[in-house]
Amino acid sequence: MNLWGVKPDMLTTAKGASASYVPIGITAVSKRIADYFEDEFFAHGHTFEAHPVSLAAIPAVIEEYRRLDLLSHVRAMGEYLSKRLEELKERHKSIGDVRGRRVVLGH
């Protein structure tokens, strides 16, 4: 979403929030959607909803991502992968195009 300037009304994520150390899933919604549910009942629940161990992992993981500067590493690995796949494309006529974003391809 950041690559294209998209502001979603709803965003979900899971494994990355806790670096897969504990089970957690996150759903975030825009203020407009959140405000709607201030007046409208939404019955929901999850087996491990708001589990303190899972929730405690999130700030620790964010701090580690920052401390290790993982975003820079992701960019570098994406550029490396892109370069190597382009080299592979030059050697194999069966590869018509190399496309992707960030670590999925580094462009």
PDB file of N, CA and C in Angstrom:
ATOM      1  N   MET A   1       0.820  -1.188   0.000  1.00  0.00           N
ATOM      2  CA  MET A   1       0.000   0.000   0.000  1.00  0.00           C
ATOM      3  C   MET A   1       0.864   1.252   0.000  1.00  0.00           C
ATOM      4  N   ASN A   2       2.016   1.206   0.677  1.00  0.00           N
ATOM      5  CA  ASN A   2       2.895   2.373   0.713  1.00  0.00           C
ATOM      6  C   ASN A   2       3.511   2.667  -0.650  1.00  0.00           C
ATOM      7  N   LEU A   3       3.774   1.628  -1.432  1.00  0.00           N
ATOM      8  CA  LEU A   3       4.384   1.831  -2.745  1.00  0.00           C
ATOM      9  C   LEU A   3       3.485   2.614  -3.687  1.00  0.00           C
ATOM     10  N   TRP A   4       2.188   2.492  -3.531  1.00  0.00           N
ATOM     11  CA  TRP A   4       1.261   3.146  -4.439  1.00  0.00           C
ATOM     12  C   TRP A   4       0.429   4.233  -3.766  1.00  0.00           C
ATOM     13  N   GLY A   5       0.725   4.579  -2.528  1.00  0.00           N
ATOM     14  CA  GLY A   5      -0.005   5.631  -1.832  1.00  0.00           C
ATOM     15  C   GLY A   5      -1.449   5.287  -1.521  1.00  0.00           C
ATOM     16  N   VAL A   6      -1.738   4.022  -1.317  1.00  0.00           N
ATOM     17  CA  VAL A   6      -3.098   3.574  -1.025  1.00  0.00           C
ATOM     18  C   VAL A   6      -3.367   3.698   0.470  1.00  0.00           C
ATOM     19  N   LYS A   7      -4.532   4.224   0.830  1.00  0.00           N
ATOM     20  CA  LYS A   7      -4.958   4.283   2.226  1.00  0.00           C
ATOM     21  C   LYS A   7      -6.159   3.359   2.377  1.00  0.00           C
ATOM     22  N   PRO A   8      -5.930   2.141   2.844  1.00  0.00           N
ATOM     23  CA  PRO A   8      -7.027   1.165   2.916  1.00  0.00           C
ATOM     24  C   PRO A   8      -8.021   1.490   4.022  1.00  0.00           C
ATOM     25  N   ASP A   9      -9.245   1.031   3.829  1.00  0.00           N
ATOM     26  CA  ASP A   9     -10.253   1.117   4.879  1.00  0.00           C
ATOM     27  C   ASP A   9     -10.056   0.015   5.910  1.00  0.00           C
ATOM     28  N   MET A  10      -9.441  -1.079   5.471  1.00  0.00           N
ATOM     29  CA  MET A  10      -9.213  -2.210   6.360  1.00  0.00           C
ATOM     30  C   MET A  10      -7.872  -2.845   6.013  1.00  0.00           C
ATOM     31  N   LEU A  11      -7.140  -3.235   7.052  1.00  0.00           N
ATOM     32  CA  LEU A  11      -5.838  -3.865   6.865  1.00  0.00           C
ATOM     33  C   LEU A  11      -5.741  -5.047   7.814  1.00  0.00           C
ATOM     34  N   THR A  12      -5.290  -6.172   7.296  1.00  0.00           N
ATOM     35  CA  THR A  12      -5.095  -7.345   8.144  1.00  0.00           C
ATOM     36  C   THR A  12      -3.656  -7.830   7.994  1.00  0.00           C
ATOM     37  N   THR A  13      -3.139  -8.373   9.051  1.00  0.00           N
ATOM     38  CA  THR A  13      -1.799  -8.949   9.039  1.00  0.00           C
ATOM     39  C   THR A  13      -1.743 -10.012  10.109  1.00  0.00           C
ATOM     40  N   ALA A  14      -0.693 -10.804  10.092  1.00  0.00           N
ATOM     41  CA  ALA A  14      -0.598 -11.860  11.101  1.00  0.00           C
ATOM     42  C   ALA A  14       0.853 -12.116  11.471  1.00  0.00           C
ATOM     43  N   LYS A  15       1.470 -13.088  10.851  1.00  0.00           N
ATOM     44  CA  LYS A  15       2.765 -13.597  11.289  1.00  0.00           C
ATOM     45  C   LYS A  15       3.805 -12.504  11.547  1.00  0.00           C
ATOM     46  N   GLY A  16       3.894 -11.510  10.701  1.00  0.00           N
ATOM     47  CA  GLY A  16       4.894 -10.465  10.863  1.00  0.00           C
ATOM     48  C   GLY A  16       4.736  -9.651  12.135  1.00  0.00           C
ATOM     49  N   ALA A  17       3.548  -9.605  12.659  1.00  0.00           N
ATOM     50  CA  ALA A  17       3.304  -8.815  13.867  1.00  0.00           C
ATOM     51  C   ALA A  17       4.043  -9.364  15.077  1.00  0.00           C
ATOM     52  N   SER A  18       4.280 -10.665  15.090  1.00  0.00           N
ATOM     53  CA  SER A  18       4.992 -11.258  16.225  1.00  0.00           C
ATOM     54  C   SER A  18       6.237 -12.019  15.764  1.00  0.00           C
ATOM     55  N   ALA A  19       6.641 -11.795  14.511  1.00  0.00           N
ATOM     56  CA  ALA A  19       7.762 -12.536  13.926  1.00  0.00           C
ATOM     57  C   ALA A  19       7.519 -14.043  14.017  1.00  0.00           C
ATOM     58  N   SER A  20       6.273 -14.433  14.059  1.00  0.00           N
ATOM     59  CA  SER A  20       5.833 -15.833  14.152  1.00  0.00           C
ATOM     60  C   SER A  20       6.231 -16.521  15.459  1.00  0.00           C
ATOM     61  N   TYR A  21       6.591 -15.744  16.477  1.00  0.00           N
ATOM     62  CA  TYR A  21       6.923 -16.346  17.772  1.00  0.00           C
ATOM     63  C   TYR A  21       5.681 -16.806  18.517  1.00  0.00           C
ATOM     64  N   VAL A  22       4.594 -16.070  18.359  1.00  0.00           N
ATOM     65  CA  VAL A  22       3.332 -16.429  18.998  1.00  0.00           C
ATOM     66  C   VAL A  22       2.206 -16.198  18.003  1.00  0.00           C
ATOM     67  N   PRO A  23       1.095 -16.921  18.142  1.00  0.00           N
ATOM     68  CA  PRO A  23      -0.016 -16.719  17.207  1.00  0.00           C
ATOM     69  C   PRO A  23      -0.704 -15.383  17.464  1.00  0.00           C
ATOM     70  N   ILE A  24      -0.795 -14.581  16.419  1.00  0.00           N
ATOM     71  CA  ILE A  24      -1.494 -13.292  16.527  1.00  0.00           C
ATOM     72  C   ILE A  24      -1.952 -12.874  15.142  1.00  0.00           C
ATOM     73  N   GLY A  25      -3.075 -12.269  15.063  1.00  0.00           N
ATOM     74  CA  GLY A  25      -3.587 -11.667  13.847  1.00  0.00           C
ATOM     75  C   GLY A  25      -4.105 -10.289  14.198  1.00  0.00           C
ATOM     76  N   ILE A  26      -3.984  -9.361  13.276  1.00  0.00           N
ATOM     77  CA  ILE A  26      -4.403  -7.984  13.533  1.00  0.00           C
ATOM     78  C   ILE A  26      -5.314  -7.527  12.414  1.00  0.00           C
ATOM     79  N   THR A  27      -6.391  -6.867  12.774  1.00  0.00           N
ATOM     80  CA  THR A  27      -7.250  -6.195  11.805  1.00  0.00           C
ATOM     81  C   THR A  27      -7.372  -4.747  12.257  1.00  0.00           C
ATOM     82  N   ALA A  28      -7.013  -3.835  11.391  1.00  0.00           N
ATOM     83  CA  ALA A  28      -7.130  -2.403  11.672  1.00  0.00           C
ATOM     84  C   ALA A  28      -8.114  -1.807  10.669  1.00  0.00           C
ATOM     85  N   VAL A  29      -8.913  -0.871  11.121  1.00  0.00           N
ATOM     86  CA  VAL A  29      -9.894  -0.233  10.241  1.00  0.00           C
ATOM     87  C   VAL A  29      -9.758   1.277  10.318  1.00  0.00           C
ATOM     88  N   SER A  30     -10.254   1.935   9.291  1.00  0.00           N
ATOM     89  CA  SER A  30     -10.234   3.395   9.252  1.00  0.00           C
ATOM     90  C   SER A  30     -11.163   3.955  10.333  1.00  0.00           C
ATOM     91  N   LYS A  31     -10.987   5.212  10.636  1.00  0.00           N
ATOM     92  CA  LYS A  31     -11.826   5.871  11.642  1.00  0.00           C
ATOM     93  C   LYS A  31     -13.295   5.829  11.225  1.00  0.00           C
ATOM     94  N   ARG A  32     -13.556   5.984   9.945  1.00  0.00           N
ATOM     95  CA  ARG A  32     -14.931   5.965   9.452  1.00  0.00           C
ATOM     96  C   ARG A  32     -15.601   4.628   9.785  1.00  0.00           C
ATOM     97  N   ILE A  33     -14.904   3.536   9.574  1.00  0.00           N
ATOM     98  CA  ILE A  33     -15.470   2.220   9.886  1.00  0.00           C
ATOM     99  C   ILE A  33     -15.557   2.024  11.397  1.00  0.00           C
ATOM    100  N   ALA A  34     -14.518   2.408  12.114  1.00  0.00           N
ATOM    101  CA  ALA A  34     -14.545   2.273  13.575  1.00  0.00           C
ATOM    102  C   ALA A  34     -15.699   3.075  14.179  1.00  0.00           C
ATOM    103  N   ASP A  35     -15.915   4.290  13.685  1.00  0.00           N
ATOM    104  CA  ASP A  35     -17.004   5.127  14.196  1.00  0.00           C
ATOM    105  C   ASP A  35     -18.368   4.483  13.967  1.00  0.00           C
ATOM    106  N   TYR A  36     -18.545   3.816  12.840  1.00  0.00           N
ATOM    107  CA  TYR A  36     -19.808   3.134  12.558  1.00  0.00           C
ATOM    108  C   TYR A  36     -20.130   2.123  13.655  1.00  0.00           C
ATOM    109  N   PHE A  37     -19.115   1.390  14.093  1.00  0.00           N
ATOM    110  CA  PHE A  37     -19.352   0.341  15.084  1.00  0.00           C
ATOM    111  C   PHE A  37     -19.418   0.874  16.515  1.00  0.00           C
ATOM    112  N   GLU A  38     -19.283   2.156  16.695  1.00  0.00           N
ATOM    113  CA  GLU A  38     -19.555   2.744  18.007  1.00  0.00           C
ATOM    114  C   GLU A  38     -21.043   2.649  18.317  1.00  0.00           C
ATOM    115  N   ASP A  39     -21.881   2.728  17.274  1.00  0.00           N
ATOM    116  CA  ASP A  39     -23.336   2.696  17.447  1.00  0.00           C
ATOM    117  C   ASP A  39     -23.970   1.390  17.002  1.00  0.00           C
ATOM    118  N   GLU A  40     -23.268   0.591  16.208  1.00  0.00           N
ATOM    119  CA  GLU A  40     -23.809  -0.663  15.682  1.00  0.00           C
ATOM    120  C   GLU A  40     -23.116  -1.838  16.361  1.00  0.00           C
ATOM    121  N   PHE A  41     -23.895  -2.804  16.786  1.00  0.00           N
ATOM    122  CA  PHE A  41     -23.356  -3.984  17.454  1.00  0.00           C
ATOM    123  C   PHE A  41     -22.707  -4.905  16.439  1.00  0.00           C
ATOM    124  N   PHE A  42     -21.509  -5.375  16.748  1.00  0.00           N
ATOM    125  CA  PHE A  42     -20.803  -6.314  15.886  1.00  0.00           C
ATOM    126  C   PHE A  42     -20.348  -7.474  16.757  1.00  0.00           C
ATOM    127  N   ALA A  43     -21.079  -8.583  16.690  1.00  0.00           N
ATOM    128  CA  ALA A  43     -20.764  -9.756  17.520  1.00  0.00           C
ATOM    129  C   ALA A  43     -19.619 -10.526  16.876  1.00  0.00           C
ATOM    130  N   HIS A  44     -18.538 -10.612  17.573  1.00  0.00           N
ATOM    131  CA  HIS A  44     -17.394 -11.367  17.060  1.00  0.00           C
ATOM    132  C   HIS A  44     -16.557 -11.855  18.232  1.00  0.00           C
ATOM    133  N   GLY A  45     -15.684 -12.753  17.945  1.00  0.00           N
ATOM    134  CA  GLY A  45     -14.782 -13.268  18.956  1.00  0.00           C
ATOM    135  C   GLY A  45     -13.806 -14.228  18.315  1.00  0.00           C
ATOM    136  N   HIS A  46     -12.687 -14.390  18.946  1.00  0.00           N
ATOM    137  CA  HIS A  46     -11.660 -15.281  18.449  1.00  0.00           C
ATOM    138  C   HIS A  46     -11.152 -16.118  19.616  1.00  0.00           C
ATOM    139  N   THR A  47     -10.689 -17.300  19.325  1.00  0.00           N
ATOM    140  CA  THR A  47     -10.232 -18.210  20.366  1.00  0.00           C
ATOM    141  C   THR A  47      -9.162 -17.568  21.245  1.00  0.00           C
ATOM    142  N   PHE A  48      -8.203 -16.885  20.632  1.00  0.00           N
ATOM    143  CA  PHE A  48      -7.100 -16.296  21.386  1.00  0.00           C
ATOM    144  C   PHE A  48      -7.171 -14.768  21.390  1.00  0.00           C
ATOM    145  N   GLU A  49      -8.364 -14.230  21.347  1.00  0.00           N
ATOM    146  CA  GLU A  49      -8.546 -12.787  21.280  1.00  0.00           C
ATOM    147  C   GLU A  49      -7.891 -12.078  22.461  1.00  0.00           C
ATOM    148  N   ALA A  50      -7.081 -11.059  22.147  1.00  0.00           N
ATOM    149  CA  ALA A  50      -6.427 -10.211  23.147  1.00  0.00           C
ATOM    150  C   ALA A  50      -5.605 -11.007  24.152  1.00  0.00           C
ATOM    151  N   HIS A  51      -4.987 -12.082  23.706  1.00  0.00           N
ATOM    152  CA  HIS A  51      -4.171 -12.885  24.600  1.00  0.00           C
ATOM    153  C   HIS A  51      -2.940 -12.075  25.012  1.00  0.00           C
ATOM    154  N   PRO A  52      -2.683 -11.920  26.308  1.00  0.00           N
ATOM    155  CA  PRO A  52      -1.607 -11.039  26.768  1.00  0.00           C
ATOM    156  C   PRO A  52      -0.213 -11.430  26.282  1.00  0.00           C
ATOM    157  N   VAL A  53       0.057 -12.706  26.133  1.00  0.00           N
ATOM    158  CA  VAL A  53       1.380 -13.122  25.661  1.00  0.00           C
ATOM    159  C   VAL A  53       1.571 -12.700  24.205  1.00  0.00           C
ATOM    160  N   SER A  54       0.557 -12.941  23.386  1.00  0.00           N
ATOM    161  CA  SER A  54       0.642 -12.531  21.986  1.00  0.00           C
ATOM    162  C   SER A  54       0.741 -11.017  21.856  1.00  0.00           C
ATOM    163  N   LEU A  55      -0.070 -10.304  22.604  1.00  0.00           N
ATOM    164  CA  LEU A  55      -0.038  -8.843  22.531  1.00  0.00           C
ATOM    165  C   LEU A  55       1.296  -8.282  23.010  1.00  0.00           C
ATOM    166  N   ALA A  56       1.885  -8.885  24.012  1.00  0.00           N
ATOM    167  CA  ALA A  56       3.170  -8.410  24.529  1.00  0.00           C
ATOM    168  C   ALA A  56       4.286  -8.585  23.510  1.00  0.00           C
ATOM    169  N   ALA A  57       4.144  -9.559  22.641  1.00  0.00           N
ATOM    170  CA  ALA A  57       5.190  -9.801  21.641  1.00  0.00           C
ATOM    171  C   ALA A  57       5.273  -8.685  20.599  1.00  0.00           C
ATOM    172  N   ILE A  58       4.165  -8.032  20.307  1.00  0.00           N
ATOM    173  CA  ILE A  58       4.140  -7.059  19.214  1.00  0.00           C
ATOM    174  C   ILE A  58       5.121  -5.908  19.413  1.00  0.00           C
ATOM    175  N   PRO A  59       5.091  -5.176  20.529  1.00  0.00           N
ATOM    176  CA  PRO A  59       6.057  -4.079  20.670  1.00  0.00           C
ATOM    177  C   PRO A  59       7.508  -4.568  20.688  1.00  0.00           C
ATOM    178  N   ALA A  60       7.735  -5.756  21.251  1.00  0.00           N
ATOM    179  CA  ALA A  60       9.095  -6.304  21.276  1.00  0.00           C
ATOM    180  C   ALA A  60       9.580  -6.602  19.857  1.00  0.00           C
ATOM    181  N   VAL A  61       8.713  -7.154  19.032  1.00  0.00           N
ATOM    182  CA  VAL A  61       9.085  -7.458  17.650  1.00  0.00           C
ATOM    183  C   VAL A  61       9.332  -6.175  16.866  1.00  0.00           C
ATOM    184  N   ILE A  62       8.487  -5.173  17.035  1.00  0.00           N
ATOM    185  CA  ILE A  62       8.686  -3.895  16.342  1.00  0.00           C
ATOM    186  C   ILE A  62      10.038  -3.302  16.721  1.00  0.00           C
ATOM    187  N   GLU A  63      10.373  -3.341  17.990  1.00  0.00           N
ATOM    188  CA  GLU A  63      11.669  -2.830  18.447  1.00  0.00           C
ATOM    189  C   GLU A  63      12.824  -3.592  17.803  1.00  0.00           C
ATOM    190  N   GLU A  64      12.694  -4.913  17.704  1.00  0.00           N
ATOM    191  CA  GLU A  64      13.740  -5.714  17.057  1.00  0.00           C
ATOM    192  C   GLU A  64      13.849  -5.387  15.574  1.00  0.00           C
ATOM    193  N   TYR A  65      12.716  -5.224  14.892  1.00  0.00           N
ATOM    194  CA  TYR A  65      12.746  -4.834  13.477  1.00  0.00           C
ATOM    195  C   TYR A  65      13.532  -3.540  13.315  1.00  0.00           C
ATOM    196  N   ARG A  66      13.277  -2.591  14.207  1.00  0.00           N
ATOM    197  CA  ARG A  66      13.985  -1.290  14.147  1.00  0.00           C
ATOM    198  C   ARG A  66      15.463  -1.451  14.507  1.00  0.00           C
ATOM    199  N   ARG A  67      15.732  -2.167  15.584  1.00  0.00           N
ATOM    200  CA  ARG A  67      17.117  -2.329  16.041  1.00  0.00           C
ATOM    201  C   ARG A  67      17.979  -2.995  14.974  1.00  0.00           C
ATOM    202  N   LEU A  68      17.434  -3.986  14.322  1.00  0.00           N
ATOM    203  CA  LEU A  68      18.167  -4.712  13.292  1.00  0.00           C
ATOM    204  C   LEU A  68      18.094  -4.042  11.916  1.00  0.00           C
ATOM    205  N   ASP A  69      17.337  -2.945  11.824  1.00  0.00           N
ATOM    206  CA  ASP A  69      17.159  -2.213  10.572  1.00  0.00           C
ATOM    207  C   ASP A  69      16.744  -3.175   9.454  1.00  0.00           C
ATOM    208  N   LEU A  70      15.733  -3.984   9.731  1.00  0.00           N
ATOM    209  CA  LEU A  70      15.323  -5.020   8.792  1.00  0.00           C
ATOM    210  C   LEU A  70      14.791  -4.468   7.483  1.00  0.00           C
ATOM    211  N   LEU A  71      14.215  -3.277   7.482  1.00  0.00           N
ATOM    212  CA  LEU A  71      13.711  -2.717   6.234  1.00  0.00           C
ATOM    213  C   LEU A  71      14.847  -2.488   5.240  1.00  0.00           C
ATOM    214  N   SER A  72      15.984  -2.031   5.721  1.00  0.00           N
ATOM    215  CA  SER A  72      17.142  -1.870   4.836  1.00  0.00           C
ATOM    216  C   SER A  72      17.600  -3.214   4.298  1.00  0.00           C
ATOM    217  N   HIS A  73      17.571  -4.224   5.155  1.00  0.00           N
ATOM    218  CA  HIS A  73      17.961  -5.567   4.725  1.00  0.00           C
ATOM    219  C   HIS A  73      16.997  -6.101   3.662  1.00  0.00           C
ATOM    220  N   VAL A  74      15.708  -5.875   3.853  1.00  0.00           N
ATOM    221  CA  VAL A  74      14.709  -6.312   2.879  1.00  0.00           C
ATOM    222  C   VAL A  74      14.968  -5.641   1.532  1.00  0.00           C
ATOM    223  N   ARG A  75      15.254  -4.342   1.553  1.00  0.00           N
ATOM    224  CA  ARG A  75      15.532  -3.628   0.301  1.00  0.00           C
ATOM    225  C   ARG A  75      16.777  -4.190  -0.382  1.00  0.00           C
ATOM    226  N   ALA A  76      17.825  -4.408   0.387  1.00  0.00           N
ATOM    227  CA  ALA A  76      19.070  -4.936  -0.190  1.00  0.00           C
ATOM    228  C   ALA A  76      18.850  -6.329  -0.765  1.00  0.00           C
ATOM    229  N   MET A  77      18.136  -7.180  -0.054  1.00  0.00           N
ATOM    230  CA  MET A  77      17.886  -8.523  -0.553  1.00  0.00           C
ATOM    231  C   MET A  77      16.996  -8.494  -1.794  1.00  0.00           C
ATOM    232  N   GLY A  78      16.048  -7.578  -1.825  1.00  0.00           N
ATOM    233  CA  GLY A  78      15.187  -7.431  -2.998  1.00  0.00           C
ATOM    234  C   GLY A  78      15.986  -7.016  -4.221  1.00  0.00           C
ATOM    235  N   GLU A  79      16.909  -6.076  -4.042  1.00  0.00           N
ATOM    236  CA  GLU A  79      17.761  -5.641  -5.148  1.00  0.00           C
ATOM    237  C   GLU A  79      18.661  -6.781  -5.617  1.00  0.00           C
ATOM    238  N   TYR A  80      19.224  -7.519  -4.679  1.00  0.00           N
ATOM    239  CA  TYR A  80      20.073  -8.659  -5.012  1.00  0.00           C
ATOM    240  C   TYR A  80      19.279  -9.711  -5.796  1.00  0.00           C
ATOM    241  N   LEU A  81      18.094 -10.047  -5.300  1.00  0.00           N
ATOM    242  CA  LEU A  81      17.255 -11.037  -5.955  1.00  0.00           C
ATOM    243  C   LEU A  81      16.886 -10.588  -7.360  1.00  0.00           C
ATOM    244  N   SER A  82      16.526  -9.331  -7.498  1.00  0.00           N
ATOM    245  CA  SER A  82      16.166  -8.797  -8.804  1.00  0.00           C
ATOM    246  C   SER A  82      17.321  -8.913  -9.787  1.00  0.00           C
ATOM    247  N   LYS A  83      18.506  -8.536  -9.356  1.00  0.00           N
ATOM    248  CA  LYS A  83      19.695  -8.618 -10.212  1.00  0.00           C
ATOM    249  C   LYS A  83      19.955 -10.052 -10.650  1.00  0.00           C
ATOM    250  N   ARG A  84      19.907 -10.974  -9.697  1.00  0.00           N
ATOM    251  CA  ARG A  84      20.189 -12.377 -10.018  1.00  0.00           C
ATOM    252  C   ARG A  84      19.128 -12.972 -10.944  1.00  0.00           C
ATOM    253  N   LEU A  85      17.874 -12.603 -10.752  1.00  0.00           N
ATOM    254  CA  LEU A  85      16.822 -13.112 -11.630  1.00  0.00           C
ATOM    255  C   LEU A  85      16.951 -12.535 -13.038  1.00  0.00           C
ATOM    256  N   GLU A  86      17.355 -11.277 -13.141  1.00  0.00           N
ATOM    257  CA  GLU A  86      17.600 -10.684 -14.463  1.00  0.00           C
ATOM    258  C   GLU A  86      18.743 -11.416 -15.162  1.00  0.00           C
ATOM    259  N   GLU A  87      19.788 -11.772 -14.413  1.00  0.00           N
ATOM    260  CA  GLU A  87      20.897 -12.548 -14.984  1.00  0.00           C
ATOM    261  C   GLU A  87      20.407 -13.908 -15.469  1.00  0.00           C
ATOM    262  N   LEU A  88      19.564 -14.533 -14.684  1.00  0.00           N
ATOM    263  CA  LEU A  88      19.002 -15.826 -15.056  1.00  0.00           C
ATOM    264  C   LEU A  88      18.158 -15.698 -16.324  1.00  0.00           C
ATOM    265  N   LYS A  89      17.393 -14.626 -16.411  1.00  0.00           N
ATOM    266  CA  LYS A  89      16.552 -14.368 -17.583  1.00  0.00           C
ATOM    267  C   LYS A  89      17.405 -14.283 -18.850  1.00  0.00           C
ATOM    268  N   GLU A  90      18.556 -13.654 -18.758  1.00  0.00           N
ATOM    269  CA  GLU A  90      19.427 -13.515 -19.912  1.00  0.00           C
ATOM    270  C   GLU A  90      19.954 -14.860 -20.403  1.00  0.00           C
ATOM    271  N   ARG A  91      20.059 -15.829 -19.518  1.00  0.00           N
ATOM    272  CA  ARG A  91      20.610 -17.142 -19.877  1.00  0.00           C
ATOM    273  C   ARG A  91      19.549 -18.160 -20.287  1.00  0.00           C
ATOM    274  N   HIS A  92      18.270 -17.858 -19.998  1.00  0.00           N
ATOM    275  CA  HIS A  92      17.214 -18.831 -20.278  1.00  0.00           C
ATOM    276  C   HIS A  92      16.090 -18.176 -21.064  1.00  0.00           C
ATOM    277  N   LYS A  93      15.926 -18.590 -22.316  1.00  0.00           N
ATOM    278  CA  LYS A  93      14.904 -17.981 -23.167  1.00  0.00           C
ATOM    279  C   LYS A  93      13.481 -18.254 -22.682  1.00  0.00           C
ATOM    280  N   SER A  94      13.315 -19.248 -21.812  1.00  0.00           N
ATOM    281  CA  SER A  94      11.975 -19.550 -21.302  1.00  0.00           C
ATOM    282  C   SER A  94      11.486 -18.510 -20.284  1.00  0.00           C
ATOM    283  N   ILE A  95      12.386 -17.650 -19.811  1.00  0.00           N
ATOM    284  CA  ILE A  95      11.992 -16.591 -18.873  1.00  0.00           C
ATOM    285  C   ILE A  95      11.714 -15.339 -19.686  1.00  0.00           C
ATOM    286  N   GLY A  96      10.449 -14.943 -19.732  1.00  0.00           N
ATOM    287  CA  GLY A  96      10.056 -13.798 -20.548  1.00  0.00           C
ATOM    288  C   GLY A  96      10.134 -12.471 -19.830  1.00  0.00           C
ATOM    289  N   ASP A  97       9.910 -12.463 -18.517  1.00  0.00           N
ATOM    290  CA  ASP A  97       9.889 -11.200 -17.781  1.00  0.00           C
ATOM    291  C   ASP A  97      10.152 -11.483 -16.308  1.00  0.00           C
ATOM    292  N   VAL A  98      10.706 -10.493 -15.637  1.00  0.00           N
ATOM    293  CA  VAL A  98      10.942 -10.562 -14.201  1.00  0.00           C
ATOM    294  C   VAL A  98      10.235  -9.364 -13.590  1.00  0.00           C
ATOM    295  N   ARG A  99       9.258  -9.629 -12.730  1.00  0.00           N
ATOM    296  CA  ARG A  99       8.482  -8.542 -12.119  1.00  0.00           C
ATOM    297  C   ARG A  99       8.272  -8.794 -10.638  1.00  0.00           C
ATOM    298  N   GLY A 100       8.050  -7.737  -9.883  1.00  0.00           N
ATOM    299  CA  GLY A 100       7.757  -7.877  -8.467  1.00  0.00           C
ATOM    300  C   GLY A 100       8.067  -6.605  -7.714  1.00  0.00           C
ATOM    301  N   ARG A 101       7.905  -6.635  -6.410  1.00  0.00           N
ATOM    302  CA  ARG A 101       8.164  -5.487  -5.539  1.00  0.00           C
ATOM    303  C   ARG A 101       8.887  -5.932  -4.278  1.00  0.00           C
ATOM    304  N   ARG A 102       9.769  -5.097  -3.802  1.00  0.00           N
ATOM    305  CA  ARG A 102      10.525  -5.274  -2.561  1.00  0.00           C
ATOM    306  C   ARG A 102      11.219  -6.617  -2.522  1.00  0.00           C
ATOM    307  N   VAL A 103      11.139  -7.314  -1.406  1.00  0.00           N
ATOM    308  CA  VAL A 103      11.890  -8.561  -1.308  1.00  0.00           C
ATOM    309  C   VAL A 103      11.351  -9.599  -2.287  1.00  0.00           C
ATOM    310  N   VAL A 104      10.118  -9.405  -2.715  1.00  0.00           N
ATOM    311  CA  VAL A 104       9.586 -10.297  -3.726  1.00  0.00           C
ATOM    312  C   VAL A 104      10.291 -10.027  -5.052  1.00  0.00           C
ATOM    313  N   LEU A 105      10.919  -8.850  -5.182  1.00  0.00           N
ATOM    314  CA  LEU A 105      11.784  -8.574  -6.322  1.00  0.00           C
ATOM    315  C   LEU A 105      12.599  -7.311  -6.251  1.00  0.00           C
ATOM    316  N   GLY A 106      12.431  -6.458  -5.303  1.00  0.00           N
ATOM    317  CA  GLY A 106      13.363  -5.359  -5.093  1.00  0.00           C
ATOM    318  C   GLY A 106      13.209  -4.110  -5.931  1.00  0.00           C
ATOM    319  N   HIS A 107      12.256  -4.047  -6.841  1.00  0.00           N
ATOM    320  CA  HIS A 107      12.130  -2.848  -7.676  1.00  0.00           C
ATOM    321  C   HIS A 107      11.492  -1.725  -6.898  1.00  0.00           C
TER     322      HIS A 107
END
